[in-house]
Amino acid sequence: FIGACKEPVMVVVTELLLGGSLRKYLLNMRPRCLDMQVAVSFALDIAQAMECLHSHGIIHRDLKP
């Protein structure tokens, strides 16, 4: 993602994920279980994104799939 700030507006541009949200993907998996390697990959991607946000002083509060 890319963030930009020009007073007084802040803009965050996110990458377009084709195929819908992670939430939709997980709901469509039911009743099957998510493969462990896929789950770990998702978790690592999310953790890296949060680390990047924090390193740039960006605060978030409601992280959901």
PDB file of N, CA and C in Angstrom:
ATOM      1  N   PHE A   1       0.831  -1.175   0.000  1.00  0.00           N
ATOM      2  CA  PHE A   1       0.000   0.000   0.000  1.00  0.00           C
ATOM      3  C   PHE A   1       0.873   1.234   0.000  1.00  0.00           C
ATOM      4  N   ILE A   2       0.258   2.328  -0.308  1.00  0.00           N
ATOM      5  CA  ILE A   2       0.963   3.605  -0.329  1.00  0.00           C
ATOM      6  C   ILE A   2       0.152   4.594   0.501  1.00  0.00           C
ATOM      7  N   GLY A   3       0.819   5.344   1.330  1.00  0.00           N
ATOM      8  CA  GLY A   3       0.147   6.368   2.114  1.00  0.00           C
ATOM      9  C   GLY A   3       0.680   7.735   1.752  1.00  0.00           C
ATOM     10  N   ALA A   4      -0.161   8.728   1.828  1.00  0.00           N
ATOM     11  CA  ALA A   4       0.272  10.093   1.536  1.00  0.00           C
ATOM     12  C   ALA A   4      -0.486  11.047   2.441  1.00  0.00           C
ATOM     13  N   CYS A   5       0.171  12.110   2.794  1.00  0.00           N
ATOM     14  CA  CYS A   5      -0.480  13.099   3.650  1.00  0.00           C
ATOM     15  C   CYS A   5      -0.191  14.486   3.106  1.00  0.00           C
ATOM     16  N   LYS A   6      -1.234  15.193   2.795  1.00  0.00           N
ATOM     17  CA  LYS A   6      -1.112  16.592   2.403  1.00  0.00           C
ATOM     18  C   LYS A   6      -2.154  17.324   3.231  1.00  0.00           C
ATOM     19  N   GLU A   7      -1.663  18.106   4.171  1.00  0.00           N
ATOM     20  CA  GLU A   7      -2.568  18.759   5.128  1.00  0.00           C
ATOM     21  C   GLU A   7      -3.761  19.368   4.435  1.00  0.00           C
ATOM     22  N   PRO A   8      -4.946  19.185   4.929  1.00  0.00           N
ATOM     23  CA  PRO A   8      -5.344  18.428   6.112  1.00  0.00           C
ATOM     24  C   PRO A   8      -5.845  17.017   5.782  1.00  0.00           C
ATOM     25  N   VAL A   9      -5.532  16.485   4.611  1.00  0.00           N
ATOM     26  CA  VAL A   9      -6.077  15.194   4.196  1.00  0.00           C
ATOM     27  C   VAL A   9      -4.990  14.121   4.194  1.00  0.00           C
ATOM     28  N   MET A  10      -5.340  12.927   4.689  1.00  0.00           N
ATOM     29  CA  MET A  10      -4.449  11.778   4.614  1.00  0.00           C
ATOM     30  C   MET A  10      -5.119  10.725   3.742  1.00  0.00           C
ATOM     31  N   VAL A  11      -4.346  10.119   2.861  1.00  0.00           N
ATOM     32  CA  VAL A  11      -4.884   9.128   1.936  1.00  0.00           C
ATOM     33  C   VAL A  11      -4.074   7.841   2.063  1.00  0.00           C
ATOM     34  N   VAL A  12      -4.761   6.705   2.129  1.00  0.00           N
ATOM     35  CA  VAL A  12      -4.105   5.406   2.108  1.00  0.00           C
ATOM     36  C   VAL A  12      -4.639   4.653   0.895  1.00  0.00           C
ATOM     37  N   VAL A  13      -3.737   4.238   0.028  1.00  0.00           N
ATOM     38  CA  VAL A  13      -4.105   3.493  -1.168  1.00  0.00           C
ATOM     39  C   VAL A  13      -3.687   2.046  -0.948  1.00  0.00           C
ATOM     40  N   THR A  14      -4.620   1.122  -1.100  1.00  0.00           N
ATOM     41  CA  THR A  14      -4.313  -0.288  -0.883  1.00  0.00           C
ATOM     42  C   THR A  14      -4.279  -1.041  -2.195  1.00  0.00           C
ATOM     43  N   GLU A  15      -3.561  -2.142  -2.181  1.00  0.00           N
ATOM     44  CA  GLU A  15      -3.454  -2.996  -3.353  1.00  0.00           C
ATOM     45  C   GLU A  15      -4.800  -3.670  -3.612  1.00  0.00           C
ATOM     46  N   LEU A  16      -5.203  -3.735  -4.876  1.00  0.00           N
ATOM     47  CA  LEU A  16      -6.435  -4.405  -5.247  1.00  0.00           C
ATOM     48  C   LEU A  16      -6.214  -5.907  -5.201  1.00  0.00           C
ATOM     49  N   LEU A  17      -7.044  -6.594  -4.426  1.00  0.00           N
ATOM     50  CA  LEU A  17      -6.970  -8.043  -4.339  1.00  0.00           C
ATOM     51  C   LEU A  17      -8.119  -8.628  -5.142  1.00  0.00           C
ATOM     52  N   LEU A  18      -7.792  -9.223  -6.253  1.00  0.00           N
ATOM     53  CA  LEU A  18      -8.816  -9.831  -7.085  1.00  0.00           C
ATOM     54  C   LEU A  18      -9.428 -11.030  -6.367  1.00  0.00           C
ATOM     55  N   GLY A  19     -10.729 -11.189  -6.505  1.00  0.00           N
ATOM     56  CA  GLY A  19     -11.382 -12.353  -5.919  1.00  0.00           C
ATOM     57  C   GLY A  19     -12.075 -12.084  -4.606  1.00  0.00           C
ATOM     58  N   GLY A  20     -12.048 -10.869  -4.122  1.00  0.00           N
ATOM     59  CA  GLY A  20     -12.768 -10.550  -2.897  1.00  0.00           C
ATOM     60  C   GLY A  20     -11.877 -10.458  -1.679  1.00  0.00           C
ATOM     61  N   SER A  21     -12.514 -10.308  -0.543  1.00  0.00           N
ATOM     62  CA  SER A  21     -11.808 -10.107   0.716  1.00  0.00           C
ATOM     63  C   SER A  21     -11.351 -11.442   1.318  1.00  0.00           C
ATOM     64  N   LEU A  22     -10.455 -11.341   2.289  1.00  0.00           N
ATOM     65  CA  LEU A  22     -10.018 -12.528   3.019  1.00  0.00           C
ATOM     66  C   LEU A  22     -11.209 -13.144   3.747  1.00  0.00           C
ATOM     67  N   ARG A  23     -12.068 -12.296   4.275  1.00  0.00           N
ATOM     68  CA  ARG A  23     -13.257 -12.794   4.972  1.00  0.00           C
ATOM     69  C   ARG A  23     -14.109 -13.646   4.039  1.00  0.00           C
ATOM     70  N   LYS A  24     -14.330 -13.157   2.825  1.00  0.00           N
ATOM     71  CA  LYS A  24     -15.134 -13.892   1.847  1.00  0.00           C
ATOM     72  C   LYS A  24     -14.448 -15.217   1.489  1.00  0.00           C
ATOM     73  N   TYR A  25     -13.141 -15.176   1.314  1.00  0.00           N
ATOM     74  CA  TYR A  25     -12.382 -16.383   1.005  1.00  0.00           C
ATOM     75  C   TYR A  25     -12.555 -17.425   2.106  1.00  0.00           C
ATOM     76  N   LEU A  26     -12.409 -16.982   3.367  1.00  0.00           N
ATOM     77  CA  LEU A  26     -12.526 -17.910   4.490  1.00  0.00           C
ATOM     78  C   LEU A  26     -13.935 -18.477   4.618  1.00  0.00           C
ATOM     79  N   LEU A  27     -14.941 -17.636   4.397  1.00  0.00           N
ATOM     80  CA  LEU A  27     -16.324 -18.118   4.459  1.00  0.00           C
ATOM     81  C   LEU A  27     -16.604 -19.135   3.360  1.00  0.00           C
ATOM     82  N   ASN A  28     -16.027 -18.930   2.188  1.00  0.00           N
ATOM     83  CA  ASN A  28     -16.226 -19.864   1.079  1.00  0.00           C
ATOM     84  C   ASN A  28     -15.513 -21.191   1.292  1.00  0.00           C
ATOM     85  N   MET A  29     -14.553 -21.236   2.202  1.00  0.00           N
ATOM     86  CA  MET A  29     -13.825 -22.474   2.499  1.00  0.00           C
ATOM     87  C   MET A  29     -14.666 -23.445   3.321  1.00  0.00           C
ATOM     88  N   ARG A  30     -15.652 -22.923   4.036  1.00  0.00           N
ATOM     89  CA  ARG A  30     -16.466 -23.766   4.925  1.00  0.00           C
ATOM     90  C   ARG A  30     -17.141 -24.879   4.166  1.00  0.00           C
ATOM     91  N   PRO A  31     -17.268 -26.062   4.688  1.00  0.00           N
ATOM     92  CA  PRO A  31     -16.830 -26.527   6.011  1.00  0.00           C
ATOM     93  C   PRO A  31     -15.401 -27.058   6.023  1.00  0.00           C
ATOM     94  N   ARG A  32     -14.675 -26.922   4.923  1.00  0.00           N
ATOM     95  CA  ARG A  32     -13.289 -27.400   4.881  1.00  0.00           C
ATOM     96  C   ARG A  32     -12.389 -26.524   5.736  1.00  0.00           C
ATOM     97  N   CYS A  33     -11.299 -27.117   6.191  1.00  0.00           N
ATOM     98  CA  CYS A  33     -10.309 -26.373   6.971  1.00  0.00           C
ATOM     99  C   CYS A  33      -9.315 -25.702   6.030  1.00  0.00           C
ATOM    100  N   LEU A  34      -8.817 -24.589   6.458  1.00  0.00           N
ATOM    101  CA  LEU A  34      -7.788 -23.870   5.711  1.00  0.00           C
ATOM    102  C   LEU A  34      -6.466 -24.614   5.872  1.00  0.00           C
ATOM    103  N   ASP A  35      -5.757 -24.830   4.785  1.00  0.00           N
ATOM    104  CA  ASP A  35      -4.459 -25.489   4.819  1.00  0.00           C
ATOM    105  C   ASP A  35      -3.511 -24.693   5.712  1.00  0.00           C
ATOM    106  N   MET A  36      -2.727 -25.390   6.531  1.00  0.00           N
ATOM    107  CA  MET A  36      -1.836 -24.730   7.487  1.00  0.00           C
ATOM    108  C   MET A  36      -0.850 -23.789   6.798  1.00  0.00           C
ATOM    109  N   GLN A  37      -0.274 -24.186   5.673  1.00  0.00           N
ATOM    110  CA  GLN A  37       0.683 -23.329   4.968  1.00  0.00           C
ATOM    111  C   GLN A  37       0.025 -22.052   4.468  1.00  0.00           C
ATOM    112  N   VAL A  38      -1.217 -22.147   4.004  1.00  0.00           N
ATOM    113  CA  VAL A  38      -1.956 -20.970   3.538  1.00  0.00           C
ATOM    114  C   VAL A  38      -2.265 -20.058   4.721  1.00  0.00           C
ATOM    115  N   ALA A  39      -2.698 -20.646   5.837  1.00  0.00           N
ATOM    116  CA  ALA A  39      -3.015 -19.856   7.033  1.00  0.00           C
ATOM    117  C   ALA A  39      -1.782 -19.106   7.537  1.00  0.00           C
ATOM    118  N   VAL A  40      -0.645 -19.789   7.582  1.00  0.00           N
ATOM    119  CA  VAL A  40       0.596 -19.147   8.037  1.00  0.00           C
ATOM    120  C   VAL A  40       1.003 -18.038   7.072  1.00  0.00           C
ATOM    121  N   SER A  41       0.832 -18.272   5.783  1.00  0.00           N
ATOM    122  CA  SER A  41       1.164 -17.260   4.785  1.00  0.00           C
ATOM    123  C   SER A  41       0.308 -16.004   4.976  1.00  0.00           C
ATOM    124  N   PHE A  42      -0.997 -16.194   5.181  1.00  0.00           N
ATOM    125  CA  PHE A  42      -1.888 -15.058   5.442  1.00  0.00           C
ATOM    126  C   PHE A  42      -1.442 -14.312   6.700  1.00  0.00           C
ATOM    127  N   ALA A  43      -1.166 -15.046   7.768  1.00  0.00           N
ATOM    128  CA  ALA A  43      -0.775 -14.427   9.040  1.00  0.00           C
ATOM    129  C   ALA A  43       0.518 -13.626   8.892  1.00  0.00           C
ATOM    130  N   LEU A  44       1.491 -14.182   8.179  1.00  0.00           N
ATOM    131  CA  LEU A  44       2.755 -13.468   7.978  1.00  0.00           C
ATOM    132  C   LEU A  44       2.569 -12.203   7.142  1.00  0.00           C
ATOM    133  N   ASP A  45       1.747 -12.283   6.100  1.00  0.00           N
ATOM    134  CA  ASP A  45       1.474 -11.099   5.274  1.00  0.00           C
ATOM    135  C   ASP A  45       0.827  -9.993   6.098  1.00  0.00           C
ATOM    136  N   ILE A  46      -0.134 -10.367   6.935  1.00  0.00           N
ATOM    137  CA  ILE A  46      -0.830  -9.380   7.775  1.00  0.00           C
ATOM    138  C   ILE A  46       0.138  -8.785   8.795  1.00  0.00           C
ATOM    139  N   ALA A  47       0.969  -9.637   9.415  1.00  0.00           N
ATOM    140  CA  ALA A  47       1.937  -9.150  10.403  1.00  0.00           C
ATOM    141  C   ALA A  47       2.942  -8.191   9.761  1.00  0.00           C
ATOM    142  N   GLN A  48       3.403  -8.498   8.547  1.00  0.00           N
ATOM    143  CA  GLN A  48       4.338  -7.605   7.855  1.00  0.00           C
ATOM    144  C   GLN A  48       3.688  -6.266   7.523  1.00  0.00           C
ATOM    145  N   ALA A  49       2.420  -6.309   7.137  1.00  0.00           N
ATOM    146  CA  ALA A  49       1.708  -5.059   6.841  1.00  0.00           C
ATOM    147  C   ALA A  49       1.566  -4.217   8.109  1.00  0.00           C
ATOM    148  N   MET A  50       1.245  -4.846   9.240  1.00  0.00           N
ATOM    149  CA  MET A  50       1.109  -4.111  10.504  1.00  0.00           C
ATOM    150  C   MET A  50       2.447  -3.548  10.950  1.00  0.00           C
ATOM    151  N   GLU A  51       3.518  -4.313  10.757  1.00  0.00           N
ATOM    152  CA  GLU A  51       4.851  -3.821  11.100  1.00  0.00           C
ATOM    153  C   GLU A  51       5.207  -2.584  10.275  1.00  0.00           C
ATOM    154  N   CYS A  52       4.871  -2.613   9.000  1.00  0.00           N
ATOM    155  CA  CYS A  52       5.136  -1.467   8.129  1.00  0.00           C
ATOM    156  C   CYS A  52       4.337  -0.249   8.596  1.00  0.00           C
ATOM    157  N   LEU A  53       3.058  -0.451   8.880  1.00  0.00           N
ATOM    158  CA  LEU A  53       2.234   0.664   9.380  1.00  0.00           C
ATOM    159  C   LEU A  53       2.838   1.260  10.636  1.00  0.00           C
ATOM    160  N   HIS A  54       3.179   0.415  11.601  1.00  0.00           N
ATOM    161  CA  HIS A  54       3.716   0.896  12.872  1.00  0.00           C
ATOM    162  C   HIS A  54       5.037   1.633  12.685  1.00  0.00           C
ATOM    163  N   SER A  55       5.874   1.142  11.778  1.00  0.00           N
ATOM    164  CA  SER A  55       7.170   1.787  11.570  1.00  0.00           C
ATOM    165  C   SER A  55       7.029   3.188  10.975  1.00  0.00           C
ATOM    166  N   HIS A  56       5.871   3.455  10.376  1.00  0.00           N
ATOM    167  CA  HIS A  56       5.603   4.780   9.806  1.00  0.00           C
ATOM    168  C   HIS A  56       4.663   5.611  10.689  1.00  0.00           C
ATOM    169  N   GLY A  57       4.446   5.147  11.913  1.00  0.00           N
ATOM    170  CA  GLY A  57       3.632   5.903  12.861  1.00  0.00           C
ATOM    171  C   GLY A  57       2.144   5.897  12.560  1.00  0.00           C
ATOM    172  N   ILE A  58       1.702   4.920  11.781  1.00  0.00           N
ATOM    173  CA  ILE A  58       0.274   4.832  11.444  1.00  0.00           C
ATOM    174  C   ILE A  58      -0.419   3.934  12.461  1.00  0.00           C
ATOM    175  N   ILE A  59      -1.519   4.418  12.978  1.00  0.00           N
ATOM    176  CA  ILE A  59      -2.272   3.692  14.000  1.00  0.00           C
ATOM    177  C   ILE A  59      -3.506   3.068  13.365  1.00  0.00           C
ATOM    178  N   HIS A  60      -3.777   1.833  13.731  1.00  0.00           N
ATOM    179  CA  HIS A  60      -4.991   1.140  13.282  1.00  0.00           C
ATOM    180  C   HIS A  60      -5.713   0.655  14.518  1.00  0.00           C
ATOM    181  N   ARG A  61      -6.979   0.309  14.382  1.00  0.00           N
ATOM    182  CA  ARG A  61      -7.667  -0.188  15.559  1.00  0.00           C
ATOM    183  C   ARG A  61      -8.580  -1.358  15.304  1.00  0.00           C
ATOM    184  N   ASP A  62      -8.989  -1.647  14.117  1.00  0.00           N
ATOM    185  CA  ASP A  62      -9.972  -2.709  13.909  1.00  0.00           C
ATOM    186  C   ASP A  62      -9.553  -3.600  12.748  1.00  0.00           C
ATOM    187  N   LEU A  63      -8.709  -4.569  13.045  1.00  0.00           N
ATOM    188  CA  LEU A  63      -8.189  -5.470  12.023  1.00  0.00           C
ATOM    189  C   LEU A  63      -9.077  -6.701  11.930  1.00  0.00           C
ATOM    190  N   LYS A  64      -9.631  -6.943  10.754  1.00  0.00           N
ATOM    191  CA  LYS A  64     -10.520  -8.093  10.528  1.00  0.00           C
ATOM    192  C   LYS A  64     -10.164  -8.747   9.207  1.00  0.00           C
ATOM    193  N   PRO A  65     -10.476 -10.057   9.085  1.00  0.00           N
ATOM    194  CA  PRO A  65     -10.232 -10.700   7.784  1.00  0.00           C
ATOM    195  C   PRO A  65     -11.212 -10.212   6.742  1.00  0.00           C
TER     196      PRO A  65
END
